[in-house]
Amino acid sequence: MTPDGATLFTKEQIQDGQRAWLAAGGQQLGSVWGHGGYVAPDWSADWLHREAVALRDIVARRLYRSDFNLLPAHRQAGVDAIVRAEMRRNTYDAGATRSPSASSVRRRSPW
């Protein structure tokens, strides 16, 4: 969910994806959250890396109207701090919705 209540993925969509993953033998191709990471790549780590790289550019463009890699080191450090805080924030609502939410910044990520 988004902070304004819009649904990103339904429970059914997530379960359909899980079934497709298992039906295709996905557990033999890689792991999610490290389960079986010794057998194949950990796709959750890949996702988080790609999202962080995308968010760095989104934040850099929003703040400085520049790609992250073109910023001076002190501005890159500031952008990295913002991205780190954004990605580490626990957005799970244990109350009414019982679901995580995604901020407007993370929703812009192409991944």
C-alpha atoms as a PDB file:
ATOM      1  CA  MET A   1       0.000   0.000   0.000  1.00  0.00           C
ATOM      2  CA  THR A   2       0.962   3.584  -0.416  1.00  0.00           C
ATOM      3  CA  PRO A   3       0.668   6.125   2.406  1.00  0.00           C
ATOM      4  CA  ASP A   4      -2.492   7.464   0.716  1.00  0.00           C
ATOM      5  CA  GLY A   5      -4.059   3.967   0.701  1.00  0.00           C
ATOM      6  CA  ALA A   6      -3.525   2.849  -2.912  1.00  0.00           C
ATOM      7  CA  THR A   7      -2.785  -0.853  -3.336  1.00  0.00           C
ATOM      8  CA  LEU A   8       0.473  -1.745  -5.085  1.00  0.00           C
ATOM      9  CA  PHE A   9      -0.072  -5.523  -5.135  1.00  0.00           C
ATOM     10  CA  THR A  10      -3.005  -7.550  -3.876  1.00  0.00           C
ATOM     11  CA  LYS A  11      -2.630 -10.653  -1.734  1.00  0.00           C
ATOM     12  CA  GLU A  12      -3.877 -12.688  -4.690  1.00  0.00           C
ATOM     13  CA  GLN A  13      -1.254 -11.192  -7.025  1.00  0.00           C
ATOM     14  CA  ILE A  14       1.499 -12.050  -4.579  1.00  0.00           C
ATOM     15  CA  GLN A  15       0.220 -15.605  -4.172  1.00  0.00           C
ATOM     16  CA  ASP A  16      -0.095 -15.990  -7.966  1.00  0.00           C
ATOM     17  CA  GLY A  17       3.535 -14.901  -8.284  1.00  0.00           C
ATOM     18  CA  GLN A  18       4.593 -17.388  -5.642  1.00  0.00           C
ATOM     19  CA  ARG A  19       2.773 -20.203  -7.440  1.00  0.00           C
ATOM     20  CA  ALA A  20       4.355 -19.220 -10.773  1.00  0.00           C
ATOM     21  CA  TRP A  21       7.798 -19.115  -9.122  1.00  0.00           C
ATOM     22  CA  LEU A  22       7.376 -22.600  -7.694  1.00  0.00           C
ATOM     23  CA  ALA A  23       5.788 -24.025 -10.862  1.00  0.00           C
ATOM     24  CA  ALA A  24       8.755 -22.817 -12.917  1.00  0.00           C
ATOM     25  CA  GLY A  25      11.199 -24.397 -10.487  1.00  0.00           C
ATOM     26  CA  GLY A  26      12.303 -20.974  -9.297  1.00  0.00           C
ATOM     27  CA  GLN A  27      13.569 -22.368  -6.035  1.00  0.00           C
ATOM     28  CA  GLN A  28      16.240 -24.139  -8.095  1.00  0.00           C
ATOM     29  CA  LEU A  29      17.246 -20.909  -9.869  1.00  0.00           C
ATOM     30  CA  GLY A  30      17.758 -18.659  -6.890  1.00  0.00           C
ATOM     31  CA  SER A  31      16.584 -17.816  -3.435  1.00  0.00           C
ATOM     32  CA  VAL A  32      14.468 -15.130  -1.836  1.00  0.00           C
ATOM     33  CA  TRP A  33      15.636 -13.670   1.491  1.00  0.00           C
ATOM     34  CA  GLY A  34      18.565 -16.074   1.544  1.00  0.00           C
ATOM     35  CA  HIS A  35      16.638 -19.340   1.793  1.00  0.00           C
ATOM     36  CA  GLY A  36      18.833 -21.687  -0.194  1.00  0.00           C
ATOM     37  CA  GLY A  37      21.326 -18.963  -1.096  1.00  0.00           C
ATOM     38  CA  TYR A  38      24.109 -21.538  -1.174  1.00  0.00           C
ATOM     39  CA  VAL A  39      22.463 -23.179  -4.209  1.00  0.00           C
ATOM     40  CA  ALA A  40      21.862 -20.136  -6.410  1.00  0.00           C
ATOM     41  CA  PRO A  41      21.858 -16.318  -6.316  1.00  0.00           C
ATOM     42  CA  ASP A  42      19.801 -14.466  -3.712  1.00  0.00           C
ATOM     43  CA  TRP A  43      17.301 -12.503  -5.799  1.00  0.00           C
ATOM     44  CA  SER A  44      16.204 -10.348  -2.865  1.00  0.00           C
ATOM     45  CA  ALA A  45      19.731  -8.951  -2.565  1.00  0.00           C
ATOM     46  CA  ASP A  46      19.742  -8.266  -6.303  1.00  0.00           C
ATOM     47  CA  TRP A  47      16.377  -6.472  -6.046  1.00  0.00           C
ATOM     48  CA  LEU A  48      17.468  -4.340  -3.092  1.00  0.00           C
ATOM     49  CA  HIS A  49      20.673  -3.329  -4.872  1.00  0.00           C
ATOM     50  CA  ARG A  50      18.822  -2.351  -8.054  1.00  0.00           C
ATOM     51  CA  GLU A  51      16.227  -0.416  -6.078  1.00  0.00           C
ATOM     52  CA  ALA A  52      18.915   1.448  -4.106  1.00  0.00           C
ATOM     53  CA  VAL A  53      20.740   2.445  -7.306  1.00  0.00           C
ATOM     54  CA  ALA A  54      17.483   3.666  -8.866  1.00  0.00           C
ATOM     55  CA  LEU A  55      16.512   5.569  -5.713  1.00  0.00           C
ATOM     56  CA  ARG A  56      19.889   7.326  -5.630  1.00  0.00           C
ATOM     57  CA  ASP A  57      19.197   8.795  -9.062  1.00  0.00           C
ATOM     58  CA  ILE A  58      15.597   9.683  -8.165  1.00  0.00           C
ATOM     59  CA  VAL A  59      16.686  11.528  -5.006  1.00  0.00           C
ATOM     60  CA  ALA A  60      19.664  13.184  -6.742  1.00  0.00           C
ATOM     61  CA  ARG A  61      17.453  14.451  -9.555  1.00  0.00           C
ATOM     62  CA  ARG A  62      14.835  15.698  -7.108  1.00  0.00           C
ATOM     63  CA  LEU A  63      17.361  17.551  -4.923  1.00  0.00           C
ATOM     64  CA  TYR A  64      20.062  18.595  -7.396  1.00  0.00           C
ATOM     65  CA  ARG A  65      18.613  18.006 -10.881  1.00  0.00           C
ATOM     66  CA  SER A  66      21.547  15.739 -11.645  1.00  0.00           C
ATOM     67  CA  ASP A  67      22.321  12.041 -11.931  1.00  0.00           C
ATOM     68  CA  PHE A  68      23.859  10.617  -8.780  1.00  0.00           C
ATOM     69  CA  ASN A  69      27.189   9.712 -10.417  1.00  0.00           C
ATOM     70  CA  LEU A  70      27.698  13.339 -11.553  1.00  0.00           C
ATOM     71  CA  LEU A  71      27.394  14.789  -8.050  1.00  0.00           C
ATOM     72  CA  PRO A  72      30.420  15.746  -5.941  1.00  0.00           C
ATOM     73  CA  ALA A  73      31.283  13.317  -3.146  1.00  0.00           C
ATOM     74  CA  HIS A  74      29.707  15.362  -0.327  1.00  0.00           C
ATOM     75  CA  ARG A  75      26.360  15.487  -2.144  1.00  0.00           C
ATOM     76  CA  GLN A  76      26.543  11.784  -3.001  1.00  0.00           C
ATOM     77  CA  ALA A  77      27.043  11.088   0.715  1.00  0.00           C
ATOM     78  CA  GLY A  78      23.919  13.095   1.531  1.00  0.00           C
ATOM     79  CA  VAL A  79      21.869  11.285  -1.101  1.00  0.00           C
ATOM     80  CA  ASP A  80      23.160   7.925   0.164  1.00  0.00           C
ATOM     81  CA  ALA A  81      22.070   8.834   3.705  1.00  0.00           C
ATOM     82  CA  ILE A  82      18.553   9.692   2.495  1.00  0.00           C
ATOM     83  CA  VAL A  83      18.295   6.462   0.476  1.00  0.00           C
ATOM     84  CA  ARG A  84      19.615   4.374   3.365  1.00  0.00           C
ATOM     85  CA  ALA A  85      17.038   5.855   5.767  1.00  0.00           C
ATOM     86  CA  GLU A  86      14.244   5.380   3.214  1.00  0.00           C
ATOM     87  CA  MET A  87      15.083   1.736   2.561  1.00  0.00           C
ATOM     88  CA  ARG A  88      15.553   0.853   6.240  1.00  0.00           C
ATOM     89  CA  ARG A  89      12.297   2.433   7.397  1.00  0.00           C
ATOM     90  CA  ASN A  90       9.849  -0.175   8.658  1.00  0.00           C
ATOM     91  CA  THR A  91       6.547   0.605   6.938  1.00  0.00           C
ATOM     92  CA  TYR A  92       4.617  -2.466   8.059  1.00  0.00           C
ATOM     93  CA  ASP A  93       1.254  -1.598   9.638  1.00  0.00           C
ATOM     94  CA  ALA A  94       0.535  -4.297  12.195  1.00  0.00           C
ATOM     95  CA  GLY A  95      -2.860  -2.743  12.881  1.00  0.00           C
ATOM     96  CA  ALA A  96      -5.664  -2.160  10.416  1.00  0.00           C
ATOM     97  CA  THR A  97      -4.056  -2.951   7.072  1.00  0.00           C
ATOM     98  CA  ARG A  98      -1.535  -5.615   8.176  1.00  0.00           C
ATOM     99  CA  SER A  99       0.583  -4.706   5.170  1.00  0.00           C
ATOM    100  CA  PRO A 100       3.674  -2.680   4.305  1.00  0.00           C
ATOM    101  CA  SER A 101       3.463   0.617   2.485  1.00  0.00           C
ATOM    102  CA  ALA A 102       5.748   2.260  -0.065  1.00  0.00           C
ATOM    103  CA  SER A 103       6.576   5.955   0.033  1.00  0.00           C
ATOM    104  CA  SER A 104       6.125   8.178  -3.001  1.00  0.00           C
ATOM    105  CA  VAL A 105       9.906   8.050  -3.551  1.00  0.00           C
ATOM    106  CA  ARG A 106      10.033   4.236  -3.605  1.00  0.00           C
ATOM    107  CA  ARG A 107       6.969   4.018  -5.849  1.00  0.00           C
ATOM    108  CA  ARG A 108       8.946   5.956  -8.481  1.00  0.00           C
ATOM    109  CA  SER A 109      11.634   3.312  -8.600  1.00  0.00           C
ATOM    110  CA  PRO A 110      11.513   1.585 -11.999  1.00  0.00           C
ATOM    111  CA  TRP A 111      12.182  -1.737 -10.331  1.00  0.00           C
END
